[in-house]
Amino acid sequence: MAIHIKRIYEPTESTDGYRVLVDRLWPRGVSKQDAALDLWLKEVAPTAELRNWFDHIPERFDEFDTRYRAELDSNPAVGQLREVIASEKTVTLLFGAKNETMNQAVVLQQYLK
């Protein structure tokens, strides 16, 4: 089992495996066809309140990580995602954020491991 993360704006590859969008909002400029999703699990994304507070400000990332993990602890969508991971050889968590090292997919990937 492998869990990868990738920007949704990158080209689809056969090595992506099962593709899951983990953003609450649909990414700008991406058609449903180009996204080639197997699942859009927006319920696993941070709440709007937390997302708006974080606002992709790097200095807030550590606190965002802590708050998002607390949300995940009580989020039933995590169970759904764990079921997908258990049934697939490779899962790629897709995100739209520009910052590839400080976003919810990074936190989620570490949380699931």
PDB file of N, CA and C in Angstrom:
ATOM      1  N   MET A   1       0.832  -1.180   0.000  1.00  0.00           N
ATOM      2  CA  MET A   1       0.000   0.000   0.000  1.00  0.00           C
ATOM      3  C   MET A   1       0.882   1.250   0.000  1.00  0.00           C
ATOM      4  N   ALA A   2       0.566   2.166  -0.902  1.00  0.00           N
ATOM      5  CA  ALA A   2       1.306   3.422  -0.982  1.00  0.00           C
ATOM      6  C   ALA A   2       0.310   4.576  -1.025  1.00  0.00           C
ATOM      7  N   ILE A   3       0.618   5.629  -0.276  1.00  0.00           N
ATOM      8  CA  ILE A   3      -0.200   6.842  -0.290  1.00  0.00           C
ATOM      9  C   ILE A   3       0.682   7.973  -0.790  1.00  0.00           C
ATOM     10  N   HIS A   4       0.335   8.507  -1.957  1.00  0.00           N
ATOM     11  CA  HIS A   4       1.085   9.611  -2.554  1.00  0.00           C
ATOM     12  C   HIS A   4       0.244  10.880  -2.469  1.00  0.00           C
ATOM     13  N   ILE A   5       0.898  12.020  -2.624  1.00  0.00           N
ATOM     14  CA  ILE A   5       0.183  13.287  -2.762  1.00  0.00           C
ATOM     15  C   ILE A   5       0.665  13.968  -4.032  1.00  0.00           C
ATOM     16  N   LYS A   6      -0.240  14.773  -4.612  1.00  0.00           N
ATOM     17  CA  LYS A   6       0.076  15.379  -5.900  1.00  0.00           C
ATOM     18  C   LYS A   6      -0.877  16.548  -6.149  1.00  0.00           C
ATOM     19  N   ARG A   7      -0.361  17.594  -6.771  1.00  0.00           N
ATOM     20  CA  ARG A   7      -1.240  18.696  -7.181  1.00  0.00           C
ATOM     21  C   ARG A   7      -2.157  18.210  -8.293  1.00  0.00           C
ATOM     22  N   ILE A   8      -3.399  18.595  -8.226  1.00  0.00           N
ATOM     23  CA  ILE A   8      -4.363  18.157  -9.232  1.00  0.00           C
ATOM     24  C   ILE A   8      -4.040  18.751 -10.599  1.00  0.00           C
ATOM     25  N   TYR A   9      -3.229  19.787 -10.638  1.00  0.00           N
ATOM     26  CA  TYR A   9      -2.862  20.433 -11.902  1.00  0.00           C
ATOM     27  C   TYR A   9      -1.773  19.674 -12.650  1.00  0.00           C
ATOM     28  N   GLU A  10      -1.142  18.701 -12.010  1.00  0.00           N
ATOM     29  CA  GLU A  10      -0.133  17.881 -12.671  1.00  0.00           C
ATOM     30  C   GLU A  10      -0.824  16.838 -13.544  1.00  0.00           C
ATOM     31  N   PRO A  11      -0.160  16.388 -14.603  1.00  0.00           N
ATOM     32  CA  PRO A  11      -0.775  15.392 -15.494  1.00  0.00           C
ATOM     33  C   PRO A  11      -1.085  14.079 -14.766  1.00  0.00           C
ATOM     34  N   THR A  12      -2.168  13.439 -15.192  1.00  0.00           N
ATOM     35  CA  THR A  12      -2.527  12.126 -14.672  1.00  0.00           C
ATOM     36  C   THR A  12      -1.506  11.109 -15.164  1.00  0.00           C
ATOM     37  N   GLU A  13      -1.124  10.196 -14.269  1.00  0.00           N
ATOM     38  CA  GLU A  13      -0.167   9.147 -14.632  1.00  0.00           C
ATOM     39  C   GLU A  13      -0.719   7.797 -14.207  1.00  0.00           C
ATOM     40  N   SER A  14      -0.315   6.757 -14.900  1.00  0.00           N
ATOM     41  CA  SER A  14      -0.793   5.416 -14.569  1.00  0.00           C
ATOM     42  C   SER A  14      -0.339   5.000 -13.173  1.00  0.00           C
ATOM     43  N   THR A  15       0.754   5.584 -12.686  1.00  0.00           N
ATOM     44  CA  THR A  15       1.267   5.245 -11.358  1.00  0.00           C
ATOM     45  C   THR A  15       0.478   5.915 -10.224  1.00  0.00           C
ATOM     46  N   ASP A  16      -0.491   6.777 -10.580  1.00  0.00           N
ATOM     47  CA  ASP A  16      -1.304   7.443  -9.556  1.00  0.00           C
ATOM     48  C   ASP A  16      -2.185   6.455  -8.797  1.00  0.00           C
ATOM     49  N   GLY A  17      -2.567   5.384  -9.448  1.00  0.00           N
ATOM     50  CA  GLY A  17      -3.486   4.449  -8.804  1.00  0.00           C
ATOM     51  C   GLY A  17      -4.860   5.080  -8.638  1.00  0.00           C
ATOM     52  N   TYR A  18      -5.436   4.901  -7.465  1.00  0.00           N
ATOM     53  CA  TYR A  18      -6.772   5.417  -7.148  1.00  0.00           C
ATOM     54  C   TYR A  18      -6.628   6.889  -6.773  1.00  0.00           C
ATOM     55  N   ARG A  19      -7.289   7.764  -7.516  1.00  0.00           N
ATOM     56  CA  ARG A  19      -7.131   9.214  -7.346  1.00  0.00           C
ATOM     57  C   ARG A  19      -8.264   9.809  -6.515  1.00  0.00           C
ATOM     58  N   VAL A  20      -7.881  10.460  -5.394  1.00  0.00           N
ATOM     59  CA  VAL A  20      -8.855  11.033  -4.472  1.00  0.00           C
ATOM     60  C   VAL A  20      -8.573  12.523  -4.285  1.00  0.00           C
ATOM     61  N   LEU A  21      -9.533  13.362  -4.649  1.00  0.00           N
ATOM     62  CA  LEU A  21      -9.422  14.803  -4.391  1.00  0.00           C
ATOM     63  C   LEU A  21      -9.815  15.052  -2.943  1.00  0.00           C
ATOM     64  N   VAL A  22      -8.923  15.692  -2.169  1.00  0.00           N
ATOM     65  CA  VAL A  22      -9.169  15.923  -0.746  1.00  0.00           C
ATOM     66  C   VAL A  22      -9.343  17.414  -0.432  1.00  0.00           C
ATOM     67  N   ASP A  23      -9.820  18.174  -1.403  1.00  0.00           N
ATOM     68  CA  ASP A  23     -10.153  19.588  -1.212  1.00  0.00           C
ATOM     69  C   ASP A  23     -11.652  19.729  -1.048  1.00  0.00           C
ATOM     70  N   ARG A  24     -12.069  20.672  -0.219  1.00  0.00           N
ATOM     71  CA  ARG A  24     -13.498  20.929  -0.038  1.00  0.00           C
ATOM     72  C   ARG A  24     -14.087  21.660  -1.242  1.00  0.00           C
ATOM     73  N   LEU A  25     -13.252  22.486  -1.885  1.00  0.00           N
ATOM     74  CA  LEU A  25     -13.702  23.255  -3.049  1.00  0.00           C
ATOM     75  C   LEU A  25     -13.092  22.666  -4.315  1.00  0.00           C
ATOM     76  N   TRP A  26     -13.867  22.701  -5.395  1.00  0.00           N
ATOM     77  CA  TRP A  26     -13.346  22.201  -6.671  1.00  0.00           C
ATOM     78  C   TRP A  26     -12.236  23.130  -7.153  1.00  0.00           C
ATOM     79  N   PRO A  27     -11.101  22.606  -7.602  1.00  0.00           N
ATOM     80  CA  PRO A  27      -9.987  23.446  -8.046  1.00  0.00           C
ATOM     81  C   PRO A  27     -10.318  24.240  -9.321  1.00  0.00           C
ATOM     82  N   ARG A  28      -9.919  25.483  -9.322  1.00  0.00           N
ATOM     83  CA  ARG A  28     -10.181  26.371 -10.465  1.00  0.00           C
ATOM     84  C   ARG A  28      -9.499  25.876 -11.719  1.00  0.00           C
ATOM     85  N   GLY A  29     -10.222  25.949 -12.823  1.00  0.00           N
ATOM     86  CA  GLY A  29      -9.640  25.664 -14.126  1.00  0.00           C
ATOM     87  C   GLY A  29      -9.441  24.189 -14.432  1.00  0.00           C
ATOM     88  N   VAL A  30      -9.952  23.305 -13.603  1.00  0.00           N
ATOM     89  CA  VAL A  30      -9.802  21.865 -13.843  1.00  0.00           C
ATOM     90  C   VAL A  30     -11.171  21.287 -14.196  1.00  0.00           C
ATOM     91  N   SER A  31     -11.260  20.660 -15.360  1.00  0.00           N
ATOM     92  CA  SER A  31     -12.530  20.032 -15.742  1.00  0.00           C
ATOM     93  C   SER A  31     -12.647  18.683 -15.037  1.00  0.00           C
ATOM     94  N   LYS A  32     -13.864  18.224 -14.887  1.00  0.00           N
ATOM     95  CA  LYS A  32     -14.088  16.916 -14.248  1.00  0.00           C
ATOM     96  C   LYS A  32     -13.379  15.821 -15.048  1.00  0.00           C
ATOM     97  N   GLN A  33     -13.383  15.959 -16.369  1.00  0.00           N
ATOM     98  CA  GLN A  33     -12.722  14.960 -17.214  1.00  0.00           C
ATOM     99  C   GLN A  33     -11.205  14.971 -16.997  1.00  0.00           C
ATOM    100  N   ASP A  34     -10.602  16.163 -16.993  1.00  0.00           N
ATOM    101  CA  ASP A  34      -9.153  16.265 -16.794  1.00  0.00           C
ATOM    102  C   ASP A  34      -8.729  15.785 -15.409  1.00  0.00           C
ATOM    103  N   ALA A  35      -9.607  15.950 -14.424  1.00  0.00           N
ATOM    104  CA  ALA A  35      -9.275  15.542 -13.056  1.00  0.00           C
ATOM    105  C   ALA A  35      -9.113  14.031 -12.948  1.00  0.00           C
ATOM    106  N   ALA A  36      -9.847  13.287 -13.752  1.00  0.00           N
ATOM    107  CA  ALA A  36      -9.770  11.817 -13.765  1.00  0.00           C
ATOM    108  C   ALA A  36      -9.825  11.244 -12.346  1.00  0.00           C
ATOM    109  N   LEU A  37     -10.815  11.684 -11.585  1.00  0.00           N
ATOM    110  CA  LEU A  37     -10.948  11.259 -10.188  1.00  0.00           C
ATOM    111  C   LEU A  37     -11.648   9.919 -10.066  1.00  0.00           C
ATOM    112  N   ASP A  38     -11.251   9.193  -9.045  1.00  0.00           N
ATOM    113  CA  ASP A  38     -12.004   8.018  -8.637  1.00  0.00           C
ATOM    114  C   ASP A  38     -12.960   8.399  -7.508  1.00  0.00           C
ATOM    115  N   LEU A  39     -12.587   9.446  -6.754  1.00  0.00           N
ATOM    116  CA  LEU A  39     -13.396   9.871  -5.616  1.00  0.00           C
ATOM    117  C   LEU A  39     -13.079  11.316  -5.281  1.00  0.00           C
ATOM    118  N   TRP A  40     -14.123  12.100  -4.998  1.00  0.00           N
ATOM    119  CA  TRP A  40     -13.944  13.443  -4.443  1.00  0.00           C
ATOM    120  C   TRP A  40     -14.454  13.361  -3.017  1.00  0.00           C
ATOM    121  N   LEU A  41     -13.544  13.300  -2.066  1.00  0.00           N
ATOM    122  CA  LEU A  41     -13.914  13.148  -0.665  1.00  0.00           C
ATOM    123  C   LEU A  41     -13.745  14.486   0.042  1.00  0.00           C
ATOM    124  N   LYS A  42     -14.625  15.428  -0.293  1.00  0.00           N
ATOM    125  CA  LYS A  42     -14.494  16.777   0.266  1.00  0.00           C
ATOM    126  C   LYS A  42     -14.718  16.804   1.769  1.00  0.00           C
ATOM    127  N   GLU A  43     -15.426  15.796   2.305  1.00  0.00           N
ATOM    128  CA  GLU A  43     -15.715  15.762   3.737  1.00  0.00           C
ATOM    129  C   GLU A  43     -14.454  15.549   4.581  1.00  0.00           C
ATOM    130  N   VAL A  44     -13.377  15.046   3.979  1.00  0.00           N
ATOM    131  CA  VAL A  44     -12.138  14.807   4.731  1.00  0.00           C
ATOM    132  C   VAL A  44     -11.258  16.067   4.776  1.00  0.00           C
ATOM    133  N   ALA A  45     -11.625  17.069   4.013  1.00  0.00           N
ATOM    134  CA  ALA A  45     -10.862  18.324   3.972  1.00  0.00           C
ATOM    135  C   ALA A  45     -11.078  19.120   5.268  1.00  0.00           C
ATOM    136  N   PRO A  46     -10.194  20.070   5.548  1.00  0.00           N
ATOM    137  CA  PRO A  46     -10.394  20.923   6.722  1.00  0.00           C
ATOM    138  C   PRO A  46     -11.713  21.686   6.622  1.00  0.00           C
ATOM    139  N   THR A  47     -12.273  22.017   7.760  1.00  0.00           N
ATOM    140  CA  THR A  47     -13.501  22.813   7.761  1.00  0.00           C
ATOM    141  C   THR A  47     -13.222  24.174   7.106  1.00  0.00           C
ATOM    142  N   ALA A  48     -14.273  24.809   6.632  1.00  0.00           N
ATOM    143  CA  ALA A  48     -14.118  26.138   6.020  1.00  0.00           C
ATOM    144  C   ALA A  48     -13.492  27.104   7.012  1.00  0.00           C
ATOM    145  N   GLU A  49     -13.897  27.006   8.270  1.00  0.00           N
ATOM    146  CA  GLU A  49     -13.352  27.889   9.305  1.00  0.00           C
ATOM    147  C   GLU A  49     -11.834  27.719   9.435  1.00  0.00           C
ATOM    148  N   LEU A  50     -11.373  26.475   9.498  1.00  0.00           N
ATOM    149  CA  LEU A  50      -9.936  26.228   9.635  1.00  0.00           C
ATOM    150  C   LEU A  50      -9.190  26.626   8.362  1.00  0.00           C
ATOM    151  N   ARG A  51      -9.758  26.289   7.216  1.00  0.00           N
ATOM    152  CA  ARG A  51      -9.117  26.641   5.939  1.00  0.00           C
ATOM    153  C   ARG A  51      -8.956  28.161   5.818  1.00  0.00           C
ATOM    154  N   ASN A  52     -10.001  28.893   6.169  1.00  0.00           N
ATOM    155  CA  ASN A  52      -9.942  30.356   6.083  1.00  0.00           C
ATOM    156  C   ASN A  52      -8.951  30.945   7.078  1.00  0.00           C
ATOM    157  N   TRP A  53      -8.883  30.368   8.281  1.00  0.00           N
ATOM    158  CA  TRP A  53      -7.922  30.841   9.277  1.00  0.00           C
ATOM    159  C   TRP A  53      -6.488  30.622   8.782  1.00  0.00           C
ATOM    160  N   PHE A  54      -6.195  29.427   8.278  1.00  0.00           N
ATOM    161  CA  PHE A  54      -4.847  29.095   7.803  1.00  0.00           C
ATOM    162  C   PHE A  54      -4.447  29.990   6.640  1.00  0.00           C
ATOM    163  N   ASP A  55      -5.312  30.091   5.641  1.00  0.00           N
ATOM    164  CA  ASP A  55      -5.114  30.975   4.493  1.00  0.00           C
ATOM    165  C   ASP A  55      -3.743  30.776   3.833  1.00  0.00           C
ATOM    166  N   HIS A  56      -3.176  29.577   3.952  1.00  0.00           N
ATOM    167  CA  HIS A  56      -1.885  29.220   3.359  1.00  0.00           C
ATOM    168  C   HIS A  56      -0.750  30.150   3.781  1.00  0.00           C
ATOM    169  N   ILE A  57      -0.847  30.644   5.011  1.00  0.00           N
ATOM    170  CA  ILE A  57       0.221  31.473   5.586  1.00  0.00           C
ATOM    171  C   ILE A  57       1.227  30.528   6.240  1.00  0.00           C
ATOM    172  N   PRO A  58       2.457  30.471   5.710  1.00  0.00           N
ATOM    173  CA  PRO A  58       3.436  29.482   6.194  1.00  0.00           C
ATOM    174  C   PRO A  58       3.646  29.487   7.709  1.00  0.00           C
ATOM    175  N   GLU A  59       3.624  30.661   8.322  1.00  0.00           N
ATOM    176  CA  GLU A  59       3.858  30.745   9.770  1.00  0.00           C
ATOM    177  C   GLU A  59       2.746  30.072  10.579  1.00  0.00           C
ATOM    178  N   ARG A  60       1.600  29.840   9.964  1.00  0.00           N
ATOM    179  CA  ARG A  60       0.480  29.201  10.651  1.00  0.00           C
ATOM    180  C   ARG A  60       0.418  27.691  10.426  1.00  0.00           C
ATOM    181  N   PHE A  61       1.349  27.144   9.627  1.00  0.00           N
ATOM    182  CA  PHE A  61       1.224  25.737   9.237  1.00  0.00           C
ATOM    183  C   PHE A  61       1.284  24.772  10.418  1.00  0.00           C
ATOM    184  N   ASP A  62       2.204  24.983  11.359  1.00  0.00           N
ATOM    185  CA  ASP A  62       2.314  24.061  12.492  1.00  0.00           C
ATOM    186  C   ASP A  62       1.015  24.021  13.292  1.00  0.00           C
ATOM    187  N   GLU A  63       0.432  25.183  13.519  1.00  0.00           N
ATOM    188  CA  GLU A  63      -0.844  25.234  14.252  1.00  0.00           C
ATOM    189  C   GLU A  63      -1.968  24.633  13.408  1.00  0.00           C
ATOM    190  N   PHE A  64      -1.941  24.883  12.101  1.00  0.00           N
ATOM    191  CA  PHE A  64      -2.919  24.275  11.201  1.00  0.00           C
ATOM    192  C   PHE A  64      -2.836  22.757  11.280  1.00  0.00           C
ATOM    193  N   ASP A  65      -1.611  22.229  11.249  1.00  0.00           N
ATOM    194  CA  ASP A  65      -1.387  20.786  11.349  1.00  0.00           C
ATOM    195  C   ASP A  65      -2.056  20.237  12.610  1.00  0.00           C
ATOM    196  N   THR A  66      -1.831  20.869  13.737  1.00  0.00           N
ATOM    197  CA  THR A  66      -2.412  20.429  15.014  1.00  0.00           C
ATOM    198  C   THR A  66      -3.935  20.483  14.978  1.00  0.00           C
ATOM    199  N   ARG A  67      -4.480  21.591  14.503  1.00  0.00           N
ATOM    200  CA  ARG A  67      -5.947  21.748  14.468  1.00  0.00           C
ATOM    201  C   ARG A  67      -6.598  20.785  13.479  1.00  0.00           C
ATOM    202  N   TYR A  68      -5.965  20.590  12.322  1.00  0.00           N
ATOM    203  CA  TYR A  68      -6.537  19.701  11.312  1.00  0.00           C
ATOM    204  C   TYR A  68      -6.527  18.257  11.812  1.00  0.00           C
ATOM    205  N   ARG A  69      -5.443  17.835  12.463  1.00  0.00           N
ATOM    206  CA  ARG A  69      -5.389  16.479  13.026  1.00  0.00           C
ATOM    207  C   ARG A  69      -6.502  16.277  14.062  1.00  0.00           C
ATOM    208  N   ALA A  70      -6.783  17.310  14.842  1.00  0.00           N
ATOM    209  CA  ALA A  70      -7.876  17.226  15.825  1.00  0.00           C
ATOM    210  C   ALA A  70      -9.218  17.054  15.106  1.00  0.00           C
ATOM    211  N   GLU A  71      -9.399  17.759  13.999  1.00  0.00           N
ATOM    212  CA  GLU A  71     -10.621  17.573  13.207  1.00  0.00           C
ATOM    213  C   GLU A  71     -10.703  16.150  12.651  1.00  0.00           C
ATOM    214  N   LEU A  72      -9.571  15.648  12.158  1.00  0.00           N
ATOM    215  CA  LEU A  72      -9.555  14.312  11.563  1.00  0.00           C
ATOM    216  C   LEU A  72      -9.889  13.231  12.590  1.00  0.00           C
ATOM    217  N   ASP A  73      -9.487  13.439  13.840  1.00  0.00           N
ATOM    218  CA  ASP A  73      -9.754  12.453  14.898  1.00  0.00           C
ATOM    219  C   ASP A  73     -11.238  12.154  15.051  1.00  0.00           C
ATOM    220  N   SER A  74     -12.089  13.118  14.738  1.00  0.00           N
ATOM    221  CA  SER A  74     -13.537  12.912  14.898  1.00  0.00           C
ATOM    222  C   SER A  74     -14.294  12.974  13.575  1.00  0.00           C
ATOM    223  N   ASN A  75     -13.568  12.816  12.467  1.00  0.00           N
ATOM    224  CA  ASN A  75     -14.182  12.931  11.143  1.00  0.00           C
ATOM    225  C   ASN A  75     -14.484  11.537  10.576  1.00  0.00           C
ATOM    226  N   PRO A  76     -15.789  11.215  10.375  1.00  0.00           N
ATOM    227  CA  PRO A  76     -16.143   9.897   9.841  1.00  0.00           C
ATOM    228  C   PRO A  76     -15.617   9.640   8.422  1.00  0.00           C
ATOM    229  N   ALA A  77     -15.310  10.682   7.670  1.00  0.00           N
ATOM    230  CA  ALA A  77     -14.789  10.510   6.311  1.00  0.00           C
ATOM    231  C   ALA A  77     -13.410   9.854   6.325  1.00  0.00           C
ATOM    232  N   VAL A  78     -12.691   9.953   7.436  1.00  0.00           N
ATOM    233  CA  VAL A  78     -11.386   9.301   7.545  1.00  0.00           C
ATOM    234  C   VAL A  78     -11.557   7.789   7.429  1.00  0.00           C
ATOM    235  N   GLY A  79     -12.611   7.262   8.035  1.00  0.00           N
ATOM    236  CA  GLY A  79     -12.888   5.834   7.931  1.00  0.00           C
ATOM    237  C   GLY A  79     -13.125   5.410   6.495  1.00  0.00           C
ATOM    238  N   GLN A  80     -13.867   6.220   5.750  1.00  0.00           N
ATOM    239  CA  GLN A  80     -14.118   5.927   4.341  1.00  0.00           C
ATOM    240  C   GLN A  80     -12.803   5.919   3.560  1.00  0.00           C
ATOM    241  N   LEU A  81     -11.942   6.891   3.838  1.00  0.00           N
ATOM    242  CA  LEU A  81     -10.657   6.962   3.150  1.00  0.00           C
ATOM    243  C   LEU A  81      -9.774   5.766   3.515  1.00  0.00           C
ATOM    244  N   ARG A  82      -9.785   5.368   4.766  1.00  0.00           N
ATOM    245  CA  ARG A  82      -8.998   4.198   5.198  1.00  0.00           C
ATOM    246  C   ARG A  82      -9.478   2.928   4.481  1.00  0.00           C
ATOM    247  N   GLU A  83     -10.779   2.814   4.247  1.00  0.00           N
ATOM    248  CA  GLU A  83     -11.313   1.659   3.510  1.00  0.00           C
ATOM    249  C   GLU A  83     -10.787   1.639   2.077  1.00  0.00           C
ATOM    250  N   VAL A  84     -10.762   2.804   1.446  1.00  0.00           N
ATOM    251  CA  VAL A  84     -10.225   2.913   0.082  1.00  0.00           C
ATOM    252  C   VAL A  84      -8.761   2.500   0.078  1.00  0.00           C
ATOM    253  N   ILE A  85      -7.998   3.020   1.027  1.00  0.00           N
ATOM    254  CA  ILE A  85      -6.565   2.721   1.103  1.00  0.00           C
ATOM    255  C   ILE A  85      -6.340   1.222   1.304  1.00  0.00           C
ATOM    256  N   ALA A  86      -7.165   0.597   2.119  1.00  0.00           N
ATOM    257  CA  ALA A  86      -7.025  -0.834   2.389  1.00  0.00           C
ATOM    258  C   ALA A  86      -7.330  -1.684   1.156  1.00  0.00           C
ATOM    259  N   SER A  87      -8.164  -1.159   0.266  1.00  0.00           N
ATOM    260  CA  SER A  87      -8.579  -1.958  -0.890  1.00  0.00           C
ATOM    261  C   SER A  87      -7.794  -1.644  -2.172  1.00  0.00           C
ATOM    262  N   GLU A  88      -6.936  -0.652  -2.136  1.00  0.00           N
ATOM    263  CA  GLU A  88      -6.185  -0.242  -3.321  1.00  0.00           C
ATOM    264  C   GLU A  88      -4.684  -0.370  -3.071  1.00  0.00           C
ATOM    265  N   LYS A  89      -3.943  -0.730  -4.098  1.00  0.00           N
ATOM    266  CA  LYS A  89      -2.491  -0.855  -3.987  1.00  0.00           C
ATOM    267  C   LYS A  89      -1.832   0.520  -3.832  1.00  0.00           C
ATOM    268  N   THR A  90      -2.305   1.481  -4.620  1.00  0.00           N
ATOM    269  CA  THR A  90      -1.768   2.842  -4.588  1.00  0.00           C
ATOM    270  C   THR A  90      -2.914   3.840  -4.561  1.00  0.00           C
ATOM    271  N   VAL A  91      -2.808   4.820  -3.674  1.00  0.00           N
ATOM    272  CA  VAL A  91      -3.791   5.901  -3.591  1.00  0.00           C
ATOM    273  C   VAL A  91      -3.031   7.219  -3.685  1.00  0.00           C
ATOM    274  N   THR A  92      -3.523   8.115  -4.528  1.00  0.00           N
ATOM    275  CA  THR A  92      -2.939   9.452  -4.636  1.00  0.00           C
ATOM    276  C   THR A  92      -3.954  10.466  -4.140  1.00  0.00           C
ATOM    277  N   LEU A  93      -3.552  11.225  -3.109  1.00  0.00           N
ATOM    278  CA  LEU A  93      -4.373  12.296  -2.569  1.00  0.00           C
ATOM    279  C   LEU A  93      -4.064  13.554  -3.377  1.00  0.00           C
ATOM    280  N   LEU A  94      -5.086  14.111  -3.992  1.00  0.00           N
ATOM    281  CA  LEU A  94      -4.924  15.273  -4.863  1.00  0.00           C
ATOM    282  C   LEU A  94      -5.356  16.546  -4.150  1.00  0.00           C
ATOM    283  N   PHE A  95      -4.615  17.615  -4.383  1.00  0.00           N
ATOM    284  CA  PHE A  95      -4.907  18.909  -3.762  1.00  0.00           C
ATOM    285  C   PHE A  95      -4.672  20.022  -4.767  1.00  0.00           C
ATOM    286  N   GLY A  96      -5.251  21.180  -4.507  1.00  0.00           N
ATOM    287  CA  GLY A  96      -5.105  22.302  -5.425  1.00  0.00           C
ATOM    288  C   GLY A  96      -4.140  23.378  -4.960  1.00  0.00           C
ATOM    289  N   ALA A  97      -3.698  23.327  -3.711  1.00  0.00           N
ATOM    290  CA  ALA A  97      -2.843  24.379  -3.142  1.00  0.00           C
ATOM    291  C   ALA A  97      -1.559  24.556  -3.946  1.00  0.00           C
ATOM    292  N   LYS A  98      -1.083  25.790  -4.010  1.00  0.00           N
ATOM    293  CA  LYS A  98       0.171  26.080  -4.719  1.00  0.00           C
ATOM    294  C   LYS A  98       1.380  25.583  -3.933  1.00  0.00           C
ATOM    295  N   ASN A  99       1.303  25.700  -2.606  1.00  0.00           N
ATOM    296  CA  ASN A  99       2.406  25.263  -1.756  1.00  0.00           C
ATOM    297  C   ASN A  99       2.338  23.741  -1.605  1.00  0.00           C
ATOM    298  N   GLU A 100       3.335  23.057  -2.134  1.00  0.00           N
ATOM    299  CA  GLU A 100       3.306  21.598  -2.161  1.00  0.00           C
ATOM    300  C   GLU A 100       3.781  20.950  -0.866  1.00  0.00           C
ATOM    301  N   THR A 101       4.314  21.740   0.063  1.00  0.00           N
ATOM    302  CA  THR A 101       4.809  21.165   1.317  1.00  0.00           C
ATOM    303  C   THR A 101       4.003  21.594   2.540  1.00  0.00           C
ATOM    304  N   MET A 102       3.154  22.600   2.384  1.00  0.00           N
ATOM    305  CA  MET A 102       2.353  23.093   3.504  1.00  0.00           C
ATOM    306  C   MET A 102       0.890  23.166   3.083  1.00  0.00           C
ATOM    307  N   ASN A 103       0.223  22.019   3.109  1.00  0.00           N
ATOM    308  CA  ASN A 103      -1.184  21.977   2.749  1.00  0.00           C
ATOM    309  C   ASN A 103      -1.845  20.790   3.451  1.00  0.00           C
ATOM    310  N   GLN A 104      -3.154  20.683   3.318  1.00  0.00           N
ATOM    311  CA  GLN A 104      -3.884  19.640   4.039  1.00  0.00           C
ATOM    312  C   GLN A 104      -3.533  18.230   3.579  1.00  0.00           C
ATOM    313  N   ALA A 105      -3.174  18.055   2.317  1.00  0.00           N
ATOM    314  CA  ALA A 105      -2.832  16.721   1.828  1.00  0.00           C
ATOM    315  C   ALA A 105      -1.564  16.199   2.496  1.00  0.00           C
ATOM    316  N   VAL A 106      -0.618  17.080   2.768  1.00  0.00           N
ATOM    317  CA  VAL A 106       0.612  16.696   3.466  1.00  0.00           C
ATOM    318  C   VAL A 106       0.262  16.191   4.868  1.00  0.00           C
ATOM    319  N   VAL A 107      -0.570  16.940   5.562  1.00  0.00           N
ATOM    320  CA  VAL A 107      -0.991  16.549   6.912  1.00  0.00           C
ATOM    321  C   VAL A 107      -1.766  15.237   6.859  1.00  0.00           C
ATOM    322  N   LEU A 108      -2.694  15.150   5.926  1.00  0.00           N
ATOM    323  CA  LEU A 108      -3.537  13.953   5.806  1.00  0.00           C
ATOM    324  C   LEU A 108      -2.702  12.706   5.491  1.00  0.00           C
ATOM    325  N   GLN A 109      -1.739  12.845   4.604  1.00  0.00           N
ATOM    326  CA  GLN A 109      -0.875  11.705   4.258  1.00  0.00           C
ATOM    327  C   GLN A 109      -0.148  11.199   5.506  1.00  0.00           C
ATOM    328  N   GLN A 110       0.431  12.104   6.286  1.00  0.00           N
ATOM    329  CA  GLN A 110       1.142  11.719   7.509  1.00  0.00           C
ATOM    330  C   GLN A 110       0.180  11.133   8.550  1.00  0.00           C
ATOM    331  N   TYR A 111      -0.986  11.709   8.643  1.00  0.00           N
ATOM    332  CA  TYR A 111      -2.006  11.232   9.592  1.00  0.00           C
ATOM    333  C   TYR A 111      -2.405   9.788   9.285  1.00  0.00           C
ATOM    334  N   LEU A 112      -2.546   9.469   8.019  1.00  0.00           N
ATOM    335  CA  LEU A 112      -2.995   8.131   7.612  1.00  0.00           C
ATOM    336  C   LEU A 112      -1.906   7.080   7.799  1.00  0.00           C
ATOM    337  N   LYS A 113      -0.652   7.496   7.845  1.00  0.00           N
ATOM    338  CA  LYS A 113       0.449   6.550   8.055  1.00  0.00           C
ATOM    339  C   LYS A 113       0.547   6.249   9.521  1.00  0.00           C
TER     340      LYS A 113
END
